[in-house]
Amino acid sequence: MTEKDLSISSSYWAEHAFGMVHFGDKRLSKRLLKIANSFVDSPEG
């Protein structure tokens, strides 16, 4: 798998796992997806 494939996979996972979460503010929902992607990309922190 290439780095691009992993990025797509992490984005897909984050959207699938958290895409239905709504905070009433699109910025917060977008931030949650960004945080989830960063956890997948770098699970050690």
Protein backbone atom coordinates (compact mmCIF):
# COMPACT_ATOMS: atom_id res chain seq x y z
CA MET A 1 0.00 0.00 0.00
CA THR A 2 1.26 3.45 -0.82
CA GLU A 3 1.14 6.44 1.52
CA LYS A 4 -1.70 7.88 -0.58
CA ASP A 5 -3.67 4.62 -0.23
CA LEU A 6 -3.21 4.72 3.55
CA SER A 7 -4.38 8.32 3.65
CA ILE A 8 -7.51 7.42 1.70
CA SER A 9 -8.09 4.42 3.97
CA SER A 10 -7.76 6.50 7.14
CA SER A 11 -10.09 9.15 5.72
CA TYR A 12 -12.61 6.47 4.79
CA TRP A 13 -12.36 4.89 8.25
CA ALA A 14 -12.80 8.21 10.05
CA GLU A 15 -15.79 9.15 7.90
CA HIS A 16 -17.35 5.72 8.38
CA ALA A 17 -16.76 5.66 12.15
CA PHE A 18 -17.59 9.28 12.98
CA GLY A 19 -19.37 10.71 9.95
CA MET A 20 -22.79 10.57 11.59
CA VAL A 21 -21.69 12.58 14.64
CA HIS A 22 -23.20 16.06 14.62
CA PHE A 23 -22.30 18.68 17.18
CA GLY A 24 -24.53 21.37 15.73
CA ASP A 25 -21.44 23.10 14.35
CA LYS A 26 -19.85 21.83 11.14
CA ARG A 27 -16.43 23.01 12.30
CA LEU A 28 -16.52 20.66 15.29
CA SER A 29 -17.60 17.70 13.17
CA LYS A 30 -14.81 18.46 10.70
CA ARG A 31 -12.32 18.74 13.58
CA LEU A 32 -13.37 15.32 14.92
CA LEU A 33 -12.63 13.74 11.52
CA LYS A 34 -9.26 15.52 11.42
CA ILE A 35 -8.36 14.22 14.89
CA ALA A 36 -9.48 10.68 14.01
CA ASN A 37 -7.33 10.78 10.86
CA SER A 38 -4.31 11.91 12.86
CA PHE A 39 -4.80 9.02 15.31
CA VAL A 40 -4.83 6.54 12.43
CA ASP A 41 -1.85 8.15 10.74
CA SER A 42 0.20 8.31 13.95
CA PRO A 43 -1.29 6.03 16.65
CA GLU A 44 1.75 6.44 18.92
CA GLY A 45 0.92 10.11 19.32
